[in-house]
Amino acid sequence: MSTDPALLQNFIPVQELTPANRSRLADKAGVIELPSRQRIEDAKQGRWLTYLLEGAVTLTDGAQEDLIEAGSARARRPIFPLERRPGLVSAQSRGAARLLRLDRALFDLLLREQRVSGYEVQDTPLNGAEGKLLYHIYQAVKDGTLNLPSMPEVAMRIRDAALRPNVSVHEIAQIVQIDPVVAAGILRSANSAALRGSQPINSLSEAVIRLGFEATRSLATRIAVSQIFKARTPLIRRRMHLLWEHSVQTSALASVLARHCGTLSPDHAQLTGLLHDIGCVPILLYAERESLLENTEAIESALHHLRVPVGLLVLDYWDLDNDFAKIIQNAEEWRRDSPLTAADHADLIIVAQRMLAPADSTLPALEDMPPYARLGLGPPEQQRTQALLQEAQQQLSEIKHLLTPQAA
């Protein structure tokens, strides 16, 4: 029996797909009839997105139980968590139940394709090399072989550990020490002038306590991500260095703006500053490997046209949330409108990039930019702007000390 594609629009995250892609997913869907007290395990269902259509099931991970009833808000989400938990997770039907099973790999592929094609690259005039590069990237997405930088292991492990309610400081410290560069950066940060206490910190456990879990996670991710800005050939290596310099400068200024704004996280601002142009990294690496871009002009054109769609692929590959996607898509929307009255981190990155632009730039003035107004920093007088840039410059050396691998 075929599955009605309209049914899929009720489920999270499948509702993110277009109607056409939901139809493609529905063609591969299946319905399972469970008798009373039948048990299914996540370890055997991991390749599926499984939803409750009728009846009720009890979800357990050995420590706690959750009742899921058809028609409830909880039933709109997959029975088994999208993030794999440590240990066995199973579900048992309370009575007769019906489950909808969707191919997770197909869903992931459709969403990746949709995110890339949703950014209207087809309206951008691509030259031959760019078209070839884009073609290779699309094919690699379909084949599952896209050569994207991997989210470093230590950042992934800390993120997963932080989801556990009873994770200990010692466990986080053990994860941090996997990567010596990250471990050294965590210790340097904990002993920095801003945080230094009466006694210097010599252990990672003490460093995690002083920084806190969230700051440790964010800093570890920033340090780990900074290590992917590498290339071999001189031309690409020079451009990768410029990309690194721009990203870390944006990171520093965004953090300063967040502190003055008062409503946004300086730590998160630093991370978004590093990642706002992350799509440029695989473009440069792929072009280097395939010898597709042979001069500076060709490189700049490809980065301008393709950084957003490829950046969205990186976020999807790393399983980062929509906040980063919004930043990548809007980082250069100088007159960006927003339904929100308060600023968000995308506004921070837009304003930071504008303030770092050359004085003779053809970009709009700060006073004409809605993102600047939403930050609530007051009139963009030259003295105020210079003070913010000087503060960012002071922080820049510290950030580079923490993030540059050679500093370890």
Protein backbone atom coordinates (compact mmCIF):
# COMPACT_ATOMS: atom_id res chain seq x y z
CA MET A 1 0.00 0.00 0.00
CA SER A 2 1.45 3.38 -1.04
CA THR A 3 1.93 6.20 1.49
CA ASP A 4 0.13 9.49 0.93
CA PRO A 5 2.86 12.19 0.58
CA ALA A 6 0.54 14.71 2.29
CA LEU A 7 0.89 12.65 5.47
CA LEU A 8 4.59 13.45 5.64
CA GLN A 9 4.06 17.19 6.06
CA ASN A 10 2.90 16.50 9.63
CA PHE A 11 6.26 15.09 10.70
CA ILE A 12 9.46 16.78 11.91
CA PRO A 13 11.98 17.16 10.22
CA VAL A 14 10.40 15.68 7.05
CA GLN A 15 8.19 18.76 6.74
CA GLU A 16 11.29 20.69 5.66
CA LEU A 17 11.20 18.89 2.30
CA THR A 18 9.35 20.31 -0.69
CA PRO A 19 6.12 18.52 -1.76
CA ALA A 20 8.00 16.96 -4.69
CA ASN A 21 10.71 15.59 -2.41
CA ARG A 22 8.14 14.35 0.12
CA SER A 23 6.58 12.39 -2.75
CA ARG A 24 9.97 10.86 -3.56
CA LEU A 25 10.42 9.90 0.09
CA ALA A 26 6.85 8.53 0.33
CA ASP A 27 7.54 6.20 -2.61
CA LYS A 28 10.10 4.38 -0.46
CA ALA A 29 8.07 4.47 2.78
CA GLY A 30 6.71 1.47 4.62
CA VAL A 31 4.09 0.87 7.31
CA ILE A 32 4.70 -1.61 10.13
CA GLU A 33 1.90 -3.28 12.13
CA LEU A 34 3.00 -3.98 15.71
CA PRO A 35 1.05 -6.38 17.93
CA SER A 36 0.64 -5.54 21.61
CA ARG A 37 3.87 -5.46 23.66
CA GLN A 38 6.10 -5.85 20.59
CA ARG A 39 9.57 -4.35 21.13
CA ILE A 40 11.80 -2.72 18.51
CA GLU A 41 15.35 -1.46 19.10
CA ASP A 42 17.10 1.65 17.84
CA ALA A 43 20.21 -0.38 16.96
CA LYS A 44 18.12 -2.24 14.36
CA GLN A 45 16.16 0.82 13.20
CA GLY A 46 19.00 3.35 12.83
CA ARG A 47 18.69 3.60 9.05
CA TRP A 48 15.04 4.66 9.38
CA LEU A 49 13.02 7.65 10.53
CA THR A 50 10.20 5.92 12.39
CA TYR A 51 6.94 7.68 13.34
CA LEU A 52 3.91 6.54 15.33
CA LEU A 53 0.68 6.57 13.26
CA GLU A 54 -1.71 4.74 15.56
CA GLY A 55 -1.63 3.45 19.14
CA ALA A 56 1.01 4.15 21.78
CA VAL A 57 4.58 3.07 22.50
CA THR A 58 6.89 3.36 25.49
CA LEU A 59 10.41 4.55 24.71
CA THR A 60 13.16 3.53 27.14
CA ASP A 61 16.93 3.85 27.35
CA GLY A 62 17.27 1.78 30.52
CA ALA A 63 17.23 4.86 32.75
CA GLN A 64 13.89 6.50 31.96
CA GLU A 65 10.69 5.84 30.03
CA ASP A 66 8.66 8.15 27.78
CA LEU A 67 5.13 7.43 26.61
CA ILE A 68 4.40 8.41 22.99
CA GLU A 69 0.77 8.49 21.87
CA ALA A 70 -0.45 8.86 18.29
CA GLY A 71 -1.71 12.36 17.51
CA SER A 72 0.36 14.02 20.25
CA ALA A 73 2.99 16.69 19.65
CA ARG A 74 5.68 14.13 20.54
CA ALA A 75 4.41 11.79 17.82
CA ARG A 76 5.28 14.39 15.19
CA ARG A 77 8.95 13.64 15.85
CA PRO A 78 10.74 10.32 15.17
CA ILE A 79 10.24 7.70 17.85
CA PHE A 80 13.99 7.21 18.13
CA PRO A 81 16.18 10.30 18.70
CA LEU A 82 18.00 11.68 15.68
CA GLU A 83 21.11 11.95 17.87
CA ARG A 84 22.22 8.44 18.79
CA ARG A 85 22.36 8.03 22.57
CA PRO A 86 24.87 5.83 24.37
CA GLY A 87 23.37 2.48 25.33
CA LEU A 88 20.33 0.66 23.99
CA VAL A 89 17.18 2.59 23.15
CA SER A 90 14.01 0.57 22.52
CA ALA A 91 10.30 1.11 22.05
CA GLN A 92 7.48 -1.24 23.09
CA SER A 93 3.90 -1.01 21.89
CA ARG A 94 1.27 -0.61 24.60
CA GLY A 95 -1.42 -2.20 22.40
CA ALA A 96 -1.66 -2.73 18.67
CA ALA A 97 0.25 0.07 16.91
CA ARG A 98 1.08 1.21 13.40
CA LEU A 99 4.41 2.81 12.52
CA LEU A 100 5.55 4.75 9.47
CA ARG A 101 9.12 4.00 8.39
CA LEU A 102 11.07 6.39 6.11
CA ASP A 103 14.49 5.88 4.58
CA ARG A 104 16.79 8.19 6.55
CA ALA A 105 19.62 8.13 4.00
CA LEU A 106 17.20 9.16 1.25
CA PHE A 107 15.80 11.94 3.45
CA ASP A 108 19.31 13.25 4.17
CA LEU A 109 20.17 13.23 0.46
CA LEU A 110 16.95 15.00 -0.55
CA LEU A 111 17.46 17.66 2.11
CA ARG A 112 21.06 18.27 1.02
CA GLU A 113 20.04 18.62 -2.62
CA GLN A 114 17.16 20.89 -1.66
CA ARG A 115 19.34 23.19 0.45
CA VAL A 116 21.81 23.61 -2.37
CA SER A 117 19.27 24.06 -5.18
CA GLY A 118 17.16 26.30 -2.92
CA TYR A 119 19.97 28.82 -3.11
CA GLU A 120 19.43 30.00 -6.66
CA VAL A 121 22.80 29.22 -8.15
CA GLN A 122 21.08 28.69 -11.50
CA ASP A 123 20.49 32.46 -11.70
CA THR A 124 24.20 33.17 -11.30
CA PRO A 125 26.32 33.41 -14.47
CA LEU A 126 28.91 30.66 -13.97
CA ASN A 127 31.93 30.27 -16.20
CA GLY A 128 33.12 26.90 -17.45
CA ALA A 129 35.39 26.09 -14.50
CA GLU A 130 32.73 27.10 -11.96
CA GLY A 131 30.08 25.07 -13.73
CA LYS A 132 32.38 22.06 -13.75
CA LEU A 133 33.17 22.56 -10.07
CA LEU A 134 29.49 22.85 -9.20
CA TYR A 135 28.69 19.76 -11.29
CA HIS A 136 31.31 17.73 -9.44
CA ILE A 137 29.95 18.91 -6.09
CA TYR A 138 26.36 18.04 -7.03
CA GLN A 139 27.43 14.59 -8.22
CA ALA A 140 29.43 14.02 -5.07
CA VAL A 141 26.36 14.95 -2.98
CA LYS A 142 24.24 12.39 -4.85
CA ASP A 143 26.94 9.73 -4.56
CA GLY A 144 27.70 10.50 -0.91
CA THR A 145 31.35 11.14 -1.76
CA LEU A 146 31.60 14.92 -1.39
CA ASN A 147 35.05 15.73 -0.04
CA LEU A 148 34.05 17.98 2.83
CA PRO A 149 36.23 18.68 5.85
CA SER A 150 35.20 16.49 8.77
CA MET A 151 34.07 18.11 12.01
CA PRO A 152 37.06 17.35 14.23
CA GLU A 153 36.56 14.40 16.57
CA VAL A 154 37.07 16.29 19.81
CA ALA A 155 34.37 18.85 18.92
CA MET A 156 31.91 16.10 17.98
CA ARG A 157 32.57 14.15 21.18
CA ILE A 158 32.14 17.19 23.43
CA ARG A 159 28.90 18.12 21.66
CA ASP A 160 27.53 14.59 22.12
CA ALA A 161 28.69 14.38 25.74
CA ALA A 162 27.05 17.69 26.59
CA LEU A 163 23.68 16.15 25.67
CA ARG A 164 23.99 13.72 28.56
CA PRO A 165 22.43 15.11 31.75
CA ASN A 166 24.96 13.51 34.12
CA VAL A 167 28.21 14.10 32.21
CA SER A 168 31.09 14.91 34.55
CA VAL A 169 33.90 17.45 34.40
CA HIS A 170 36.37 14.55 34.31
CA GLU A 171 34.66 13.07 31.22
CA ILE A 172 34.81 16.38 29.37
CA ALA A 173 38.48 16.77 30.32
CA GLN A 174 39.24 13.27 28.99
CA ILE A 175 37.63 14.18 25.66
CA VAL A 176 39.56 17.47 25.43
CA GLN A 177 42.91 15.74 25.89
CA ILE A 178 42.32 13.70 22.70
CA ASP A 179 43.57 16.70 20.72
CA PRO A 180 46.76 18.30 22.13
CA VAL A 181 46.12 21.56 20.24
CA VAL A 182 42.63 21.86 21.72
CA ALA A 183 43.86 20.88 25.19
CA ALA A 184 46.59 23.54 25.09
CA GLY A 185 44.10 26.17 23.94
CA ILE A 186 41.66 25.29 26.73
CA LEU A 187 44.41 25.66 29.34
CA ARG A 188 45.62 28.96 27.85
CA SER A 189 42.09 30.34 27.86
CA ALA A 190 41.45 29.30 31.46
CA ASN A 191 44.69 31.03 32.48
CA SER A 192 44.07 34.15 30.40
CA ALA A 193 44.08 37.58 31.99
CA ALA A 194 40.29 37.79 31.79
CA LEU A 195 39.74 34.59 33.78
CA ARG A 196 42.91 34.19 35.82
CA GLY A 197 42.30 33.51 39.50
CA SER A 198 44.67 33.60 42.43
CA GLN A 199 46.19 30.23 41.41
CA PRO A 200 47.25 29.12 37.92
CA ILE A 201 45.36 26.16 36.45
CA ASN A 202 47.43 23.14 35.47
CA SER A 203 44.79 20.47 34.85
CA LEU A 204 42.09 20.18 32.19
CA SER A 205 39.44 19.33 34.79
CA GLU A 206 40.12 22.62 36.59
CA ALA A 207 40.09 24.44 33.26
CA VAL A 208 36.66 23.02 32.39
CA ILE A 209 35.33 24.07 35.81
CA ARG A 210 36.63 27.62 35.37
CA LEU A 211 35.35 27.98 31.79
CA GLY A 212 32.09 26.05 32.19
CA PHE A 213 30.76 23.29 29.90
CA GLU A 214 29.26 25.57 27.24
CA ALA A 215 32.32 27.81 26.93
CA THR A 216 34.58 24.72 26.82
CA ARG A 217 32.49 23.18 24.04
CA SER A 218 32.44 26.38 22.02
CA LEU A 219 36.17 27.03 22.45
CA ALA A 220 37.10 23.42 21.60
CA THR A 221 35.02 23.64 18.43
CA ARG A 222 36.64 26.94 17.43
CA ILE A 223 40.16 25.62 17.99
CA ALA A 224 39.44 22.36 16.16
CA VAL A 225 37.74 24.06 13.21
CA SER A 226 40.66 26.47 12.80
CA GLN A 227 42.86 23.52 11.81
CA ILE A 228 41.03 22.87 8.52
CA PHE A 229 42.26 26.13 6.90
CA LYS A 230 45.17 24.40 5.16
CA ALA A 231 46.25 23.85 1.55
CA ARG A 232 49.32 22.64 -0.36
CA THR A 233 49.81 24.65 -3.56
CA PRO A 234 51.12 28.23 -3.21
CA LEU A 235 48.16 29.93 -4.94
CA ILE A 236 45.48 28.12 -2.94
CA ARG A 237 47.54 28.29 0.26
CA ARG A 238 47.76 32.10 -0.03
CA ARG A 239 44.01 32.38 -0.57
CA MET A 240 43.33 30.01 2.33
CA HIS A 241 45.50 32.21 4.55
CA LEU A 242 43.51 35.30 3.53
CA LEU A 243 40.30 33.38 4.27
CA TRP A 244 41.65 32.47 7.72
CA GLU A 245 42.66 36.07 8.45
CA HIS A 246 39.26 37.42 7.41
CA SER A 247 37.42 34.76 9.40
CA VAL A 248 39.37 35.31 12.60
CA GLN A 249 39.08 39.12 12.31
CA THR A 250 35.32 38.79 11.83
CA SER A 251 35.26 36.41 14.78
CA ALA A 252 37.01 38.89 17.07
CA LEU A 253 34.87 41.87 16.09
CA ALA A 254 31.63 39.87 16.26
CA SER A 255 32.54 38.85 19.81
CA VAL A 256 33.17 42.49 20.79
CA LEU A 257 29.88 43.60 19.21
CA ALA A 258 28.04 40.84 21.08
CA ARG A 259 29.41 42.06 24.41
CA HIS A 260 28.33 45.62 23.71
CA CYS A 261 24.95 44.49 22.39
CA GLY A 262 24.36 42.59 25.64
CA THR A 263 21.76 40.15 24.31
CA LEU A 264 23.95 37.79 22.25
CA SER A 265 26.64 35.26 23.19
CA PRO A 266 30.24 36.44 22.59
CA ASP A 267 31.45 32.80 22.51
CA HIS A 268 28.86 31.85 19.87
CA ALA A 269 29.68 35.04 17.97
CA GLN A 270 33.32 33.94 17.75
CA LEU A 271 32.32 30.55 16.36
CA THR A 272 29.91 32.01 13.81
CA GLY A 273 32.62 34.45 12.73
CA LEU A 274 34.91 31.53 11.98
CA LEU A 275 32.21 29.59 10.12
CA HIS A 276 30.41 32.27 8.10
CA ASP A 277 32.62 31.57 5.04
CA ILE A 278 33.21 27.87 5.72
CA GLY A 279 31.90 26.96 2.24
CA CYS A 280 35.05 28.51 0.79
CA VAL A 281 37.24 25.79 2.36
CA PRO A 282 36.01 22.79 0.33
CA ILE A 283 35.79 24.96 -2.80
CA LEU A 284 39.48 25.80 -2.48
CA LEU A 285 40.47 22.24 -1.57
CA TYR A 286 38.42 20.70 -4.39
CA ALA A 287 39.74 23.23 -6.90
CA GLU A 288 43.28 22.47 -5.75
CA ARG A 289 42.81 18.73 -6.11
CA GLU A 290 41.17 18.96 -9.55
CA SER A 291 43.28 21.90 -10.84
CA LEU A 292 40.08 23.74 -11.83
CA LEU A 293 40.92 27.32 -10.80
CA GLU A 294 44.26 28.51 -12.12
CA ASN A 295 44.45 32.21 -11.21
CA THR A 296 43.33 34.67 -8.56
CA GLU A 297 40.45 36.05 -10.62
CA ALA A 298 39.00 32.57 -11.20
CA ILE A 299 39.32 31.72 -7.52
CA GLU A 300 37.55 34.89 -6.37
CA SER A 301 34.71 34.39 -8.85
CA ALA A 302 34.12 30.79 -7.73
CA LEU A 303 34.18 31.74 -4.05
CA HIS A 304 31.70 34.56 -4.64
CA HIS A 305 29.25 32.40 -6.61
CA LEU A 306 29.50 29.10 -4.72
CA ARG A 307 30.39 29.84 -1.07
CA VAL A 308 26.76 29.81 0.13
CA PRO A 309 25.51 26.53 -1.39
CA VAL A 310 28.71 24.69 -0.50
CA GLY A 311 28.64 26.23 2.99
CA LEU A 312 25.15 24.81 3.50
CA LEU A 313 26.47 21.40 2.49
CA VAL A 314 29.19 21.63 5.14
CA LEU A 315 26.65 22.52 7.82
CA ASP A 316 24.44 19.63 6.79
CA TYR A 317 27.44 17.29 6.76
CA TRP A 318 28.41 18.45 10.24
CA ASP A 319 24.79 18.37 11.45
CA LEU A 320 24.90 21.96 12.72
CA ASP A 321 21.66 23.83 13.40
CA ASN A 322 19.76 26.36 11.29
CA ASP A 323 21.32 29.33 13.12
CA PHE A 324 24.56 28.74 11.18
CA ALA A 325 22.66 28.29 7.90
CA LYS A 326 20.97 31.65 8.40
CA ILE A 327 24.35 33.26 9.01
CA ILE A 328 25.96 31.77 5.90
CA GLN A 329 23.01 32.79 3.70
CA ASN A 330 22.78 36.33 5.07
CA ALA A 331 26.40 37.23 5.87
CA GLU A 332 26.56 39.80 3.05
CA GLU A 333 22.92 40.97 3.06
CA TRP A 334 23.89 44.50 4.08
CA ARG A 335 20.29 45.78 4.15
CA ARG A 336 18.85 42.58 5.60
CA ASP A 337 15.31 42.85 6.91
CA SER A 338 14.15 40.62 9.74
CA PRO A 339 10.76 39.88 11.31
CA LEU A 340 12.56 40.04 14.67
CA THR A 341 12.98 43.34 16.47
CA ALA A 342 16.02 42.03 18.38
CA ALA A 343 19.34 41.34 16.72
CA ASP A 344 20.58 37.82 16.00
CA HIS A 345 24.04 36.44 15.25
CA ALA A 346 23.55 36.93 11.51
CA ASP A 347 23.25 40.67 12.19
CA LEU A 348 26.53 40.53 14.13
CA ILE A 349 28.40 38.97 11.21
CA ILE A 350 26.92 41.40 8.69
CA VAL A 351 27.91 44.42 10.77
CA ALA A 352 31.34 43.01 11.63
CA GLN A 353 32.14 42.45 7.95
CA ARG A 354 30.91 45.93 7.03
CA MET A 355 33.05 47.55 9.73
CA LEU A 356 36.10 45.63 8.51
CA ALA A 357 35.55 46.65 4.89
CA PRO A 358 37.90 49.27 3.33
CA ALA A 359 37.03 52.92 3.95
CA ASP A 360 36.37 53.55 0.26
CA SER A 361 33.94 50.65 0.03
CA THR A 362 30.82 50.99 -2.11
CA LEU A 363 28.85 49.19 0.60
CA PRO A 364 26.07 51.06 2.45
CA ALA A 365 26.94 53.18 5.48
CA LEU A 366 26.32 51.67 8.91
CA GLU A 367 23.51 54.15 9.64
CA ASP A 368 21.66 52.87 6.56
CA MET A 369 21.85 49.22 7.60
CA PRO A 370 18.91 47.63 9.51
CA PRO A 371 21.25 44.98 11.04
CA TYR A 372 23.26 47.74 12.73
CA ALA A 373 20.12 49.42 14.06
CA ARG A 374 18.94 46.12 15.58
CA LEU A 375 22.19 45.76 17.54
CA GLY A 376 21.27 48.87 19.54
CA LEU A 377 24.82 50.22 19.66
CA GLY A 378 23.83 53.84 19.21
CA PRO A 379 24.72 56.24 16.39
CA PRO A 380 27.70 54.89 14.37
CA GLU A 381 29.93 57.87 15.05
CA GLN A 382 33.51 57.54 13.85
CA GLN A 383 34.91 57.69 17.38
CA ARG A 384 32.58 54.91 18.58
CA THR A 385 33.35 52.73 15.55
CA GLN A 386 37.10 53.18 15.99
CA ALA A 387 36.84 52.24 19.67
CA LEU A 388 35.07 49.00 18.76
CA LEU A 389 37.67 48.18 16.11
CA GLN A 390 40.51 48.87 18.56
CA GLU A 391 38.89 46.64 21.16
CA ALA A 392 38.57 43.89 18.54
CA GLN A 393 42.22 44.35 17.57
CA GLN A 394 43.25 43.83 21.19
CA GLN A 395 41.25 40.62 21.30
CA LEU A 396 42.51 39.44 17.92
CA SER A 397 45.99 38.53 19.15
CA GLU A 398 44.50 36.45 21.98
CA ILE A 399 42.13 34.66 19.60
CA LYS A 400 44.95 33.91 17.17
CA HIS A 401 47.07 32.62 20.05
CA LEU A 402 44.27 30.25 21.00
CA LEU A 403 43.24 29.18 17.50
CA THR A 404 46.44 29.03 15.47
CA PRO A 405 47.73 25.41 15.54
CA GLN A 406 51.40 26.50 15.66
CA ALA A 407 50.67 28.25 18.95
CA ALA A 408 50.25 24.98 20.76
